[in-house]
Amino acid sequence: MRGMTWDHPRGFDPLVTATREWVANGGDPIDWDRRSLQDFESFSVEELARRYDLIVIDHPHVGQVADTGCLAPLDELCDPDALRGIAAGSVGGSYESYNWSGHQWALPIDAAAQVQAWVPGRIGAPLRDWDAVIALGKEGRLTIPLRPPHSLMSLFSLCGLLGVTLPVEGEALFPEEARAAYDRFAELATVIDPAAYDQDPIAVLEAMAEPDARIAAAPLIYGYVSYAQQGFRPTRIAFADLPASDPRGSTLGGTGIAVSAFGAAPAEAARFAQWVASGAVQRTLYATAGGQPAHAGAWGDEAVNAPVAGFYAQTRATLDRSWIRPRHDGYMAFQQAASDRLNQALRSGEDATSALAALNALYRDSR
């Protein structure tokens, strides 16, 4: 069999390690390829499904893949008891996010949401409120990734933090109340280096991990457990909940493992998927190989938390209160177009009314 994942140690190494164990216990071999983070967020899943048996995806693709029929519904291939165990151990909405039109299109193997990254020694503790965020930004010691789609993810998260409900089933995604979130975002954009518009989370974390870097915190960034490991990079990065007393509404990320509907052995591929997503594998093989598990059994395990400075325990509240993005067929094109349009608005100092109207028009067209 052949599998496709994304090009980062967190996305590749645990699957290779798990596959070795799978083969040693009689499973079919799997050759894993990888694609860039940018391709992962935008490349056609249908095209990948014609070349690979197993595909790592993110949940906003499920409306599209359900309509094209390129993935096999795992509720028809996997053991029901195994699925119940994976669902019961889901961190936040990770399992739910891959369910669409009555079927389960992927199983969560990696859980993530926008959290806070900070560097001990550059500041004494993670930021606790928005005033502290802006103050550190004015000192030139703070950034966030603004390369599409991450600017839009941050606007979503800021809406959540302010208690603004985004009606994903409607034609206007951003209600009037979202103006406050946009204004907060626009203020933040004025105090960070414009280089952020070309940076994704990996680029920001790589820059933060340099020994002589000035950046002390990134208050809205997808968590990457790799950077919390001692020795992964010159400077170890710590992670914490979003800077708020109630860290709700962060934009859910993470990945799930899906099975191609066009593969030669979908039943065998599904057996691997349910095995690698199980609590036992996620807590042991997957975590120790540098993965970022999606199962609560790993997130709550002291032995899993210890080597990564409590990464999971320190961000769990944010993950459990995270928000699932729209997933309809047409959303992925909206995500790219809206991120580009949002960045244009932030760069030019456009007001909230005009910017949100433009985003809502793009959303309406995507429906």
Protein backbone atom coordinates (compact mmCIF):
# COMPACT_ATOMS: atom_id res chain seq x y z
CA MET A 1 0.00 0.00 0.00
CA ARG A 2 0.97 3.66 -0.37
CA GLY A 3 0.23 6.52 2.00
CA MET A 4 0.46 10.31 1.77
CA THR A 5 0.99 12.63 4.72
CA TRP A 6 2.45 16.10 5.27
CA ASP A 7 6.08 17.10 5.34
CA HIS A 8 7.01 17.71 8.95
CA PRO A 9 8.49 15.33 11.55
CA ARG A 10 5.18 15.49 13.44
CA GLY A 11 3.25 14.36 10.36
CA PHE A 12 5.70 11.81 8.93
CA ASP A 13 7.82 10.17 11.63
CA PRO A 14 5.02 8.66 13.77
CA LEU A 15 3.36 7.04 10.75
CA VAL A 16 6.63 5.49 9.60
CA THR A 17 7.32 4.21 13.12
CA ALA A 18 3.81 2.83 13.51
CA THR A 19 4.02 1.15 10.10
CA ARG A 20 7.17 -0.74 11.14
CA GLU A 21 5.29 -2.17 14.11
CA TRP A 22 2.27 -2.90 11.92
CA VAL A 23 4.37 -4.89 9.45
CA ALA A 24 6.24 -6.71 12.23
CA ASN A 25 2.87 -7.98 13.44
CA GLY A 26 1.76 -9.24 10.03
CA GLY A 27 0.23 -6.14 8.42
CA ASP A 28 0.76 -5.14 4.82
CA PRO A 29 3.71 -2.77 4.18
CA ILE A 30 2.92 0.91 3.57
CA ASP A 31 5.26 3.30 1.74
CA TRP A 32 4.70 6.88 2.98
CA ASP A 33 5.19 9.99 0.84
CA ARG A 34 4.82 13.58 2.08
CA ARG A 35 3.74 16.94 0.71
CA SER A 36 4.36 20.49 1.89
CA LEU A 37 2.15 22.15 4.49
CA GLN A 38 0.86 24.56 1.83
CA ASP A 39 -0.08 21.66 -0.46
CA PHE A 40 -1.62 19.83 2.47
CA GLU A 41 -3.97 22.76 3.07
CA SER A 42 -5.00 23.16 -0.57
CA PHE A 43 -4.21 20.13 -2.77
CA SER A 44 -7.06 18.07 -4.27
CA VAL A 45 -7.86 15.06 -2.09
CA GLU A 46 -9.55 13.38 -5.06
CA GLU A 47 -6.32 13.47 -7.04
CA LEU A 48 -4.40 11.99 -4.11
CA ALA A 49 -7.04 9.27 -3.67
CA ARG A 50 -6.31 8.04 -7.19
CA ARG A 51 -2.64 7.50 -6.29
CA TYR A 52 -2.66 6.48 -2.61
CA ASP A 53 -4.44 3.94 -0.40
CA LEU A 54 -4.18 6.05 2.79
CA ILE A 55 -4.32 9.84 2.89
CA VAL A 56 -3.85 12.23 5.81
CA ILE A 57 -6.37 15.08 5.46
CA ASP A 58 -7.78 17.96 7.48
CA HIS A 59 -11.47 18.19 8.27
CA PRO A 60 -12.56 21.16 6.08
CA HIS A 61 -12.16 18.84 3.06
CA VAL A 62 -14.92 16.43 4.11
CA GLY A 63 -17.81 18.12 2.31
CA GLN A 64 -15.84 18.06 -0.91
CA VAL A 65 -14.70 14.44 -0.57
CA ALA A 66 -18.17 13.26 0.38
CA ASP A 67 -19.58 14.76 -2.80
CA THR A 68 -16.85 13.36 -5.07
CA GLY A 69 -16.91 9.87 -3.54
CA CYS A 70 -13.12 9.62 -3.53
CA LEU A 71 -12.85 8.36 0.06
CA ALA A 72 -14.31 5.22 1.58
CA PRO A 73 -16.76 5.75 4.47
CA LEU A 74 -14.96 4.25 7.45
CA ASP A 75 -18.16 3.49 9.33
CA GLU A 76 -18.74 0.81 6.67
CA LEU A 77 -15.20 -0.64 6.89
CA CYS A 78 -14.07 -0.33 10.50
CA ASP A 79 -15.03 -2.34 13.56
CA PRO A 80 -17.90 -0.53 15.35
CA ASP A 81 -16.36 -1.08 18.79
CA ALA A 82 -13.05 0.36 17.58
CA LEU A 83 -14.83 3.45 16.25
CA ARG A 84 -16.69 3.92 19.53
CA GLY A 85 -13.39 3.82 21.41
CA ILE A 86 -11.79 6.38 19.12
CA ALA A 87 -14.84 8.65 19.35
CA ALA A 88 -14.93 8.41 23.14
CA GLY A 89 -11.26 9.42 23.31
CA SER A 90 -11.56 12.35 20.93
CA VAL A 91 -9.85 15.56 22.07
CA GLY A 92 -12.34 18.36 21.47
CA GLY A 93 -14.25 17.90 18.23
CA SER A 94 -11.49 15.95 16.47
CA TYR A 95 -13.58 12.83 15.74
CA GLU A 96 -16.78 14.77 15.03
CA SER A 97 -15.00 17.01 12.54
CA TYR A 98 -14.56 14.13 10.06
CA ASN A 99 -18.23 13.13 10.17
CA TRP A 100 -20.34 14.47 7.30
CA SER A 101 -23.60 13.41 5.64
CA GLY A 102 -23.97 10.50 8.01
CA HIS A 103 -20.54 8.95 7.41
CA GLN A 104 -17.10 8.99 9.02
CA TRP A 105 -14.57 10.00 6.35
CA ALA A 106 -11.38 9.94 8.45
CA LEU A 107 -10.19 9.02 11.93
CA PRO A 108 -8.32 11.63 13.99
CA ILE A 109 -4.64 10.90 14.50
CA ASP A 110 -3.41 14.43 15.29
CA ALA A 111 -5.20 17.07 17.38
CA ALA A 112 -4.40 20.77 17.17
CA ALA A 113 -5.95 24.18 17.56
CA GLN A 114 -4.62 27.70 17.75
CA VAL A 115 -2.92 28.06 21.13
CA GLN A 116 -0.13 30.26 22.50
CA ALA A 117 3.59 29.69 21.98
CA TRP A 118 6.08 31.41 24.27
CA VAL A 119 9.76 31.22 25.15
CA PRO A 120 10.70 30.84 28.84
CA GLY A 121 13.53 33.20 29.66
CA ARG A 122 12.35 35.84 27.20
CA ILE A 123 9.17 36.38 29.23
CA GLY A 124 8.39 35.01 32.67
CA ALA A 125 5.05 33.34 31.90
CA PRO A 126 2.54 32.95 29.08
CA LEU A 127 0.42 35.98 28.26
CA ARG A 128 -2.88 36.06 30.16
CA ASP A 129 -4.91 38.81 28.45
CA TRP A 130 -5.12 40.93 25.33
CA ASP A 131 -3.58 44.02 26.92
CA ALA A 132 -0.42 41.99 27.55
CA VAL A 133 -0.49 40.80 23.93
CA ILE A 134 -0.57 44.33 22.53
CA ALA A 135 2.03 45.59 25.00
CA LEU A 136 4.50 42.88 23.98
CA GLY A 137 3.72 43.58 20.33
CA LYS A 138 4.57 47.24 20.77
CA GLU A 139 7.97 46.15 22.10
CA GLY A 140 8.59 44.23 18.86
CA ARG A 141 8.68 40.91 20.69
CA LEU A 142 5.53 39.22 19.41
CA THR A 143 4.15 37.87 16.14
CA ILE A 144 1.60 35.48 14.65
CA PRO A 145 1.57 33.72 11.26
CA LEU A 146 -0.48 35.62 8.69
CA ARG A 147 0.26 33.59 5.57
CA PRO A 148 -3.03 32.25 4.18
CA PRO A 149 -5.01 30.53 5.56
CA HIS A 150 -3.66 31.39 9.02
CA SER A 151 -4.85 34.99 9.09
CA LEU A 152 -8.42 33.78 8.61
CA MET A 153 -7.92 31.11 11.29
CA SER A 154 -6.91 33.87 13.71
CA LEU A 155 -9.97 35.94 12.91
CA PHE A 156 -12.12 32.88 13.57
CA SER A 157 -10.36 32.31 16.91
CA LEU A 158 -10.74 35.94 17.96
CA CYS A 159 -14.47 35.72 17.24
CA GLY A 160 -14.61 32.66 19.48
CA LEU A 161 -12.69 34.33 22.29
CA LEU A 162 -15.14 37.23 22.22
CA GLY A 163 -18.14 34.92 22.29
CA VAL A 164 -19.23 35.67 18.72
CA THR A 165 -21.12 32.76 17.14
CA LEU A 166 -20.35 32.25 13.45
CA PRO A 167 -23.42 30.72 11.73
CA VAL A 168 -21.71 28.23 9.40
CA GLU A 169 -25.00 27.11 7.83
CA GLY A 170 -26.06 30.61 6.84
CA GLU A 171 -25.01 32.79 3.93
CA ALA A 172 -23.30 35.45 6.10
CA LEU A 173 -20.57 33.90 8.22
CA PHE A 174 -19.60 37.05 10.13
CA PRO A 175 -22.43 38.76 12.06
CA GLU A 176 -22.35 42.38 13.18
CA GLU A 177 -20.80 41.34 16.49
CA ALA A 178 -17.68 40.14 14.64
CA ARG A 179 -16.64 43.78 14.19
CA ALA A 180 -15.02 43.70 17.64
CA ALA A 181 -12.92 40.68 16.68
CA TYR A 182 -11.81 42.30 13.43
CA ASP A 183 -10.90 45.53 15.22
CA ARG A 184 -8.84 43.57 17.74
CA PHE A 185 -7.10 41.75 14.91
CA ALA A 186 -6.44 44.99 13.02
CA GLU A 187 -4.83 46.49 16.13
CA LEU A 188 -2.59 43.44 16.48
CA ALA A 189 -1.57 43.65 12.82
CA THR A 190 -0.19 47.17 13.39
CA VAL A 191 2.28 46.02 16.06
CA ILE A 192 3.85 42.98 14.41
CA ASP A 193 6.48 42.74 11.68
CA PRO A 194 4.91 42.67 8.18
CA ALA A 195 7.11 39.63 7.49
CA ALA A 196 4.33 37.70 9.26
CA TYR A 197 2.26 37.89 6.05
CA ASP A 198 4.73 35.44 4.49
CA GLN A 199 4.97 33.10 7.48
CA ASP A 200 3.03 29.97 8.38
CA PRO A 201 3.20 28.44 11.90
CA ILE A 202 6.32 26.41 11.12
CA ALA A 203 8.16 29.50 9.87
CA VAL A 204 7.21 31.46 13.00
CA LEU A 205 8.26 28.66 15.35
CA GLU A 206 11.53 28.13 13.49
CA ALA A 207 12.29 31.84 13.87
CA MET A 208 11.34 31.83 17.56
CA ALA A 209 13.62 28.85 18.17
CA GLU A 210 16.74 30.71 17.05
CA PRO A 211 18.94 31.49 20.09
CA ASP A 212 19.24 35.22 19.33
CA ALA A 213 15.58 35.78 18.35
CA ARG A 214 13.67 38.64 20.00
CA ILE A 215 10.21 37.15 19.53
CA ALA A 216 8.99 35.95 22.92
CA ALA A 217 5.43 34.88 22.13
CA ALA A 218 2.95 34.02 19.39
CA PRO A 219 -0.51 34.29 20.99
CA LEU A 220 -2.46 32.74 18.07
CA ILE A 221 -0.66 29.83 16.44
CA TYR A 222 -1.28 26.16 15.84
CA GLY A 223 0.54 24.13 18.48
CA TYR A 224 3.48 21.99 17.33
CA VAL A 225 4.65 19.56 19.99
CA SER A 226 7.98 19.03 18.19
CA TYR A 227 9.22 22.45 19.32
CA ALA A 228 8.50 21.58 22.97
CA GLN A 229 10.95 18.68 22.84
CA GLN A 230 14.37 19.27 24.34
CA GLY A 231 16.97 19.40 21.58
CA PHE A 232 14.57 19.58 18.63
CA ARG A 233 15.78 23.14 17.96
CA PRO A 234 18.35 25.37 19.70
CA THR A 235 15.67 27.04 21.83
CA ARG A 236 12.85 25.08 23.43
CA ILE A 237 9.39 26.63 23.00
CA ALA A 238 6.62 26.28 25.57
CA PHE A 239 2.90 26.22 24.79
CA ALA A 240 -0.12 27.41 26.75
CA ASP A 241 -3.82 28.10 26.41
CA LEU A 242 -4.94 31.18 24.49
CA PRO A 243 -4.45 34.45 26.42
CA ALA A 244 -7.91 34.67 27.99
CA SER A 245 -9.62 33.62 31.20
CA ASP A 246 -11.91 31.39 29.11
CA PRO A 247 -9.91 30.05 26.11
CA ARG A 248 -12.93 29.18 23.98
CA GLY A 249 -13.52 29.20 20.25
CA SER A 250 -10.01 28.47 18.98
CA THR A 251 -10.06 27.21 15.39
CA LEU A 252 -9.65 23.44 15.37
CA GLY A 253 -6.92 21.98 13.18
CA GLY A 254 -5.22 18.61 13.34
CA THR A 255 -5.37 15.74 10.87
CA GLY A 256 -7.24 12.54 10.20
CA ILE A 257 -6.34 9.39 8.32
CA ALA A 258 -8.63 8.49 5.42
CA VAL A 259 -8.92 5.52 3.05
CA SER A 260 -9.13 5.89 -0.72
CA ALA A 261 -12.27 4.56 -2.38
CA PHE A 262 -10.11 3.67 -5.39
CA GLY A 263 -7.47 1.57 -3.60
CA ALA A 264 -6.85 -2.11 -4.17
CA ALA A 265 -7.27 -3.09 -0.50
CA PRO A 266 -9.58 -0.62 1.31
CA ALA A 267 -10.42 -3.12 4.09
CA GLU A 268 -6.74 -3.59 4.95
CA ALA A 269 -6.14 0.17 4.78
CA ALA A 270 -9.06 0.73 7.15
CA ARG A 271 -7.64 -1.82 9.58
CA PHE A 272 -4.42 0.19 9.74
CA ALA A 273 -6.35 3.45 10.14
CA GLN A 274 -8.38 2.22 13.12
CA TRP A 275 -5.26 0.71 14.68
CA VAL A 276 -3.09 3.83 14.41
CA ALA A 277 -5.98 6.02 15.70
CA SER A 278 -6.59 3.77 18.72
CA GLY A 279 -5.84 4.97 22.22
CA ALA A 280 -3.18 2.31 22.82
CA VAL A 281 -1.12 3.27 19.76
CA GLN A 282 -1.67 7.02 20.12
CA ARG A 283 -0.47 6.97 23.73
CA THR A 284 2.66 4.92 23.00
CA LEU A 285 4.14 4.48 19.52
CA TYR A 286 2.57 7.58 18.01
CA ALA A 287 3.50 9.95 20.83
CA THR A 288 7.03 8.66 21.40
CA ALA A 289 7.84 8.96 17.68
CA GLY A 290 7.17 12.70 17.72
CA GLY A 291 3.48 12.69 16.82
CA GLN A 292 0.84 14.94 18.32
CA PRO A 293 -1.90 12.45 19.21
CA ALA A 294 -5.62 13.05 18.87
CA HIS A 295 -6.63 10.65 21.64
CA ALA A 296 -7.37 11.89 25.16
CA GLY A 297 -5.56 8.87 26.58
CA ALA A 298 -2.31 10.45 25.35
CA TRP A 299 -3.18 14.05 26.26
CA GLY A 300 -3.84 13.11 29.88
CA ASP A 301 -0.85 10.80 30.30
CA GLU A 302 1.95 12.14 32.53
CA ALA A 303 4.54 10.06 30.68
CA VAL A 304 3.49 11.64 27.36
CA ASN A 305 3.52 15.16 28.83
CA ALA A 306 6.86 14.93 30.65
CA PRO A 307 9.25 15.02 27.64
CA VAL A 308 7.39 17.98 26.06
CA ALA A 309 7.17 20.35 29.02
CA GLY A 310 3.49 19.60 29.61
CA PHE A 311 2.48 20.60 26.07
CA TYR A 312 -0.78 18.65 26.21
CA ALA A 313 -1.81 19.52 29.75
CA GLN A 314 -1.05 23.21 29.21
CA THR A 315 -3.20 23.53 26.08
CA ARG A 316 -5.98 21.01 26.76
CA ALA A 317 -8.57 23.60 27.85
CA THR A 318 -8.19 25.41 24.52
CA LEU A 319 -8.50 22.18 22.52
CA ASP A 320 -11.59 21.02 24.38
CA ARG A 321 -13.34 24.37 23.72
CA SER A 322 -12.26 24.66 20.09
CA TRP A 323 -14.48 25.43 17.09
CA ILE A 324 -15.05 23.34 13.97
CA ARG A 325 -14.75 25.28 10.72
CA PRO A 326 -17.33 25.09 7.91
CA ARG A 327 -16.90 21.91 5.86
CA HIS A 328 -19.26 22.27 2.89
CA ASP A 329 -18.11 21.62 -0.66
CA GLY A 330 -16.86 25.06 -1.66
CA TYR A 331 -15.37 25.99 1.71
CA MET A 332 -11.76 25.29 0.74
CA ALA A 333 -11.89 27.81 -2.12
CA PHE A 334 -13.49 30.31 0.26
CA GLN A 335 -10.75 29.75 2.85
CA GLN A 336 -8.03 30.75 0.38
CA ALA A 337 -9.94 33.68 -1.15
CA ALA A 338 -11.05 35.00 2.24
CA SER A 339 -7.54 34.78 3.69
CA ASP A 340 -6.16 36.78 0.75
CA ARG A 341 -8.93 39.36 1.06
CA LEU A 342 -8.47 39.63 4.83
CA ASN A 343 -4.76 40.24 4.44
CA GLN A 344 -5.49 42.95 1.92
CA ALA A 345 -7.83 44.59 4.45
CA LEU A 346 -5.31 44.36 7.28
CA ARG A 347 -2.46 45.77 5.20
CA SER A 348 -4.51 48.74 3.99
CA GLY A 349 -6.18 49.57 7.32
CA GLU A 350 -9.66 48.85 5.94
CA ASP A 351 -12.53 49.31 8.39
CA ALA A 352 -14.45 46.37 9.87
CA THR A 353 -17.73 47.05 8.08
CA SER A 354 -16.19 46.98 4.63
CA ALA A 355 -13.83 44.05 5.29
CA LEU A 356 -16.45 41.78 6.86
CA ALA A 357 -18.94 42.57 4.09
CA ALA A 358 -16.35 41.42 1.56
CA LEU A 359 -15.71 38.21 3.49
CA ASN A 360 -19.43 37.52 3.77
CA ALA A 361 -19.85 37.99 0.03
CA LEU A 362 -17.14 35.41 -0.61
CA TYR A 363 -18.81 33.03 1.84
CA ARG A 364 -22.20 33.46 0.18
CA ASP A 365 -20.63 32.61 -3.18
CA SER A 366 -19.10 29.43 -1.71
CA ARG A 367 -22.43 27.98 -0.60
